[in-house]
């Protein structure tokens, strides 16, 4: 398997596990902090979405999340700032679906040699390193979401699944069907 295909496949596995960590989540716990010094699930999700939005902007020149959203989800933001959730979780997930779809589409279209280049003047790492970095970053936060759900007695997903393409496709379709039916619960 070539490096490009391996990196995209790695990110696809991360993507489906990230989505599955949210499937059937109790809407009441999405913005609830388990303890004062911990981020809630909505912040964790937004932090991951913001990271991917930033990487996508290297290729498009535009960010989908607003500057207020990016500031709220920033690394190192005060936990006091995170307590009140001022955004729509439903919109956040819909934005993630768009951002991730656009990012995958761009990665697929890029020639192999682009993965060995630095994608933007504000970056010092090659695209291949960035794709690997975001995969590890989102997967680490996926683990946090799974653990928080267990702590709130709302378990569902034990990762890692979706390693095969057919399993990813099946899980994604089930997830999309669930989201379409239930997204109005997540204001």
Protein backbone atom coordinates (compact mmCIF):
# COMPACT_ATOMS: atom_id res chain seq x y z
CA UNK A 1 0.00 0.00 0.00
CA UNK A 2 1.30 3.42 -0.90
CA UNK A 3 1.82 6.11 1.72
CA UNK A 4 -1.05 8.27 0.45
CA UNK A 5 -3.56 5.43 0.59
CA UNK A 6 -2.30 4.31 4.01
CA UNK A 7 -2.63 7.81 5.47
CA UNK A 8 -6.12 8.33 4.07
CA UNK A 9 -7.19 4.90 5.30
CA UNK A 10 -5.80 5.69 8.77
CA UNK A 11 -7.78 8.94 8.88
CA UNK A 12 -10.92 7.14 7.65
CA UNK A 13 -10.61 4.63 10.52
CA UNK A 14 -10.22 7.53 12.94
CA UNK A 15 -13.21 9.33 11.39
CA UNK A 16 -15.58 6.41 11.81
CA UNK A 17 -14.46 5.77 15.37
CA UNK A 18 -14.90 9.46 16.20
CA UNK A 19 -18.43 9.40 14.80
CA UNK A 20 -19.27 6.10 16.47
CA UNK A 21 -18.14 7.48 19.84
CA UNK A 22 -21.06 9.92 19.50
CA UNK A 23 -23.75 7.56 18.26
CA UNK A 24 -26.70 7.26 20.65
CA UNK A 25 -25.09 9.66 23.10
CA UNK A 26 -27.47 11.04 25.70
CA UNK A 27 -28.00 14.68 24.68
CA UNK A 28 -28.06 15.70 28.37
CA UNK A 29 -24.39 14.80 28.86
CA UNK A 30 -22.95 16.45 25.76
CA UNK A 31 -22.29 19.77 27.53
CA UNK A 32 -21.96 18.45 31.08
CA UNK A 33 -18.56 18.54 32.78
CA UNK A 34 -17.83 15.44 34.84
CA UNK A 35 -15.59 17.53 37.05
CA UNK A 36 -14.57 21.17 37.12
CA UNK A 37 -11.12 20.70 35.56
CA UNK A 38 -12.34 18.53 32.66
CA UNK A 39 -13.70 19.50 29.26
CA UNK A 40 -17.17 18.36 28.30
CA UNK A 41 -17.83 16.24 25.22
CA UNK A 42 -19.06 19.16 23.09
CA UNK A 43 -15.76 20.97 23.70
CA UNK A 44 -13.72 17.88 22.85
CA UNK A 45 -15.67 17.36 19.63
CA UNK A 46 -15.39 21.03 18.70
CA UNK A 47 -11.66 20.99 19.40
CA UNK A 48 -11.24 18.10 16.93
CA UNK A 49 -13.50 19.74 14.35
CA UNK A 50 -11.59 22.99 14.66
CA UNK A 51 -8.30 21.18 14.13
CA UNK A 52 -9.55 19.55 10.93
CA UNK A 53 -11.08 22.83 9.77
CA UNK A 54 -7.66 24.46 10.21
CA UNK A 55 -5.96 21.76 8.12
CA UNK A 56 -8.67 21.96 5.46
CA UNK A 57 -8.08 25.71 5.21
CA UNK A 58 -4.51 25.04 4.03
CA UNK A 59 -6.08 23.78 0.82
CA UNK A 60 -9.15 26.01 0.52
CA UNK A 61 -8.06 29.29 2.09
CA UNK A 62 -11.28 29.36 4.13
CA UNK A 63 -12.34 28.17 7.58
CA UNK A 64 -15.87 26.93 8.17
CA UNK A 65 -15.98 27.51 11.92
CA UNK A 66 -16.32 31.10 13.09
CA UNK A 67 -13.51 32.87 14.92
CA UNK A 68 -15.62 32.69 18.12
CA UNK A 69 -15.92 28.92 17.73
CA UNK A 70 -12.21 28.52 17.04
CA UNK A 71 -11.38 30.62 20.11
CA UNK A 72 -13.77 28.61 22.31
CA UNK A 73 -12.33 25.25 21.19
CA UNK A 74 -8.69 26.35 21.33
CA UNK A 75 -6.06 24.30 23.10
CA UNK A 76 -5.37 25.64 26.59
CA UNK A 77 -8.58 27.64 26.93
CA UNK A 78 -9.61 28.15 30.56
CA UNK A 79 -11.97 25.48 31.92
CA UNK A 80 -14.06 28.35 33.33
CA UNK A 81 -14.60 29.50 29.75
CA UNK A 82 -15.75 26.01 28.72
CA UNK A 83 -18.51 25.59 31.35
CA UNK A 84 -21.23 27.33 29.35
CA UNK A 85 -21.66 25.96 25.83
CA UNK A 86 -22.69 28.86 23.55
CA UNK A 87 -23.06 26.95 20.27
CA UNK A 88 -25.27 24.35 18.65
CA UNK A 89 -23.94 20.81 18.97
CA UNK A 90 -26.13 19.83 16.02
CA UNK A 91 -24.50 22.48 13.85
CA UNK A 92 -21.06 21.42 15.08
CA UNK A 93 -21.64 17.84 13.93
CA UNK A 94 -23.08 19.00 10.61
CA UNK A 95 -20.00 21.20 10.17
CA UNK A 96 -17.75 18.24 10.95
CA UNK A 97 -19.49 16.15 8.29
CA UNK A 98 -18.88 18.89 5.73
CA UNK A 99 -15.29 19.59 6.82
CA UNK A 100 -14.29 15.94 6.90
CA UNK A 101 -15.98 15.22 3.57
CA UNK A 102 -14.21 18.16 1.94
CA UNK A 103 -10.87 17.20 3.51
CA UNK A 104 -11.11 13.59 2.35
CA UNK A 105 -12.10 14.71 -1.14
CA UNK A 106 -9.06 17.02 -1.33
CA UNK A 107 -6.68 14.36 0.00
CA UNK A 108 -7.96 11.83 -2.53
CA UNK A 109 -7.44 14.23 -5.44
CA UNK A 110 -3.93 15.33 -4.47
CA UNK A 111 -1.07 13.72 -6.36
CA UNK A 112 1.09 11.38 -4.26
CA UNK A 113 4.07 13.74 -4.36
CA UNK A 114 2.05 16.45 -2.55
CA UNK A 115 2.11 14.33 0.60
CA UNK A 116 5.88 14.92 0.80
CA UNK A 117 5.47 18.70 0.60
CA UNK A 118 4.61 21.34 3.17
CA UNK A 119 1.01 22.31 2.33
CA UNK A 120 1.05 25.90 3.59
CA UNK A 121 3.52 28.67 4.35
CA UNK A 122 2.37 28.75 8.02
CA UNK A 123 3.27 25.09 8.44
CA UNK A 124 6.61 23.39 8.96
CA UNK A 125 5.54 19.76 8.52
CA UNK A 126 4.87 17.76 5.39
CA UNK A 127 1.27 16.91 4.55
CA UNK A 128 1.91 13.25 5.36
CA UNK A 129 2.97 14.23 8.88
CA UNK A 130 -0.05 16.47 9.30
CA UNK A 131 -2.50 13.74 8.27
CA UNK A 132 -0.83 11.36 10.71
CA UNK A 133 -0.86 14.06 13.42
CA UNK A 134 -4.57 14.79 13.06
CA UNK A 135 -5.35 11.07 13.05
CA UNK A 136 -3.55 10.57 16.35
CA UNK A 137 -5.04 13.76 17.80
CA UNK A 138 -8.65 12.86 17.00
CA UNK A 139 -8.23 9.23 18.06
CA UNK A 140 -6.86 10.33 21.44
CA UNK A 141 -9.87 12.57 21.95
CA UNK A 142 -12.18 9.78 20.79
CA UNK A 143 -10.88 7.78 23.73
CA UNK A 144 -11.75 10.67 26.03
CA UNK A 145 -15.30 10.75 24.67
CA UNK A 146 -15.69 6.99 25.21
CA UNK A 147 -14.39 7.28 28.78
CA UNK A 148 -16.63 10.25 29.58
CA UNK A 149 -19.65 8.37 28.27
CA UNK A 150 -18.78 5.46 30.56
CA UNK A 151 -18.34 7.84 33.51
CA UNK A 152 -21.84 9.21 32.79
CA UNK A 153 -23.20 5.64 32.53
CA UNK A 154 -23.90 6.15 28.83
CA UNK A 155 -21.54 3.62 27.21
CA UNK A 156 -21.83 2.55 23.62
CA UNK A 157 -18.71 2.35 21.53
CA UNK A 158 -15.59 0.34 22.16
CA UNK A 159 -13.04 1.35 19.60
CA UNK A 160 -11.18 0.49 17.34
CA UNK A 161 -13.61 -0.61 14.65
CA UNK A 162 -13.99 0.09 10.96
CA UNK A 163 -10.56 -1.12 9.97
CA UNK A 164 -11.86 -2.69 6.77
CA UNK A 165 -13.40 -0.44 4.15
CA UNK A 166 -16.62 -2.47 4.02
CA UNK A 167 -17.03 -2.20 7.79
CA UNK A 168 -16.37 1.57 7.68
CA UNK A 169 -18.98 2.00 4.96
CA UNK A 170 -21.55 -0.04 6.89
CA UNK A 171 -20.87 1.81 10.14
CA UNK A 172 -20.97 5.20 8.38
CA UNK A 173 -24.30 4.49 6.74
CA UNK A 174 -25.77 3.38 10.07
CA UNK A 175 -24.36 6.47 11.75
CA UNK A 176 -25.72 8.82 9.07
CA UNK A 177 -29.15 7.16 9.31
CA UNK A 178 -29.07 7.61 13.11
CA UNK A 179 -27.96 11.26 12.82
CA UNK A 180 -30.64 12.12 10.27
CA UNK A 181 -33.31 10.63 12.53
CA UNK A 182 -32.03 12.02 15.85
CA UNK A 183 -30.09 15.23 15.21
CA UNK A 184 -32.92 17.48 16.42
CA UNK A 185 -32.29 16.18 19.96
CA UNK A 186 -28.91 17.90 19.96
CA UNK A 187 -29.54 21.60 20.03
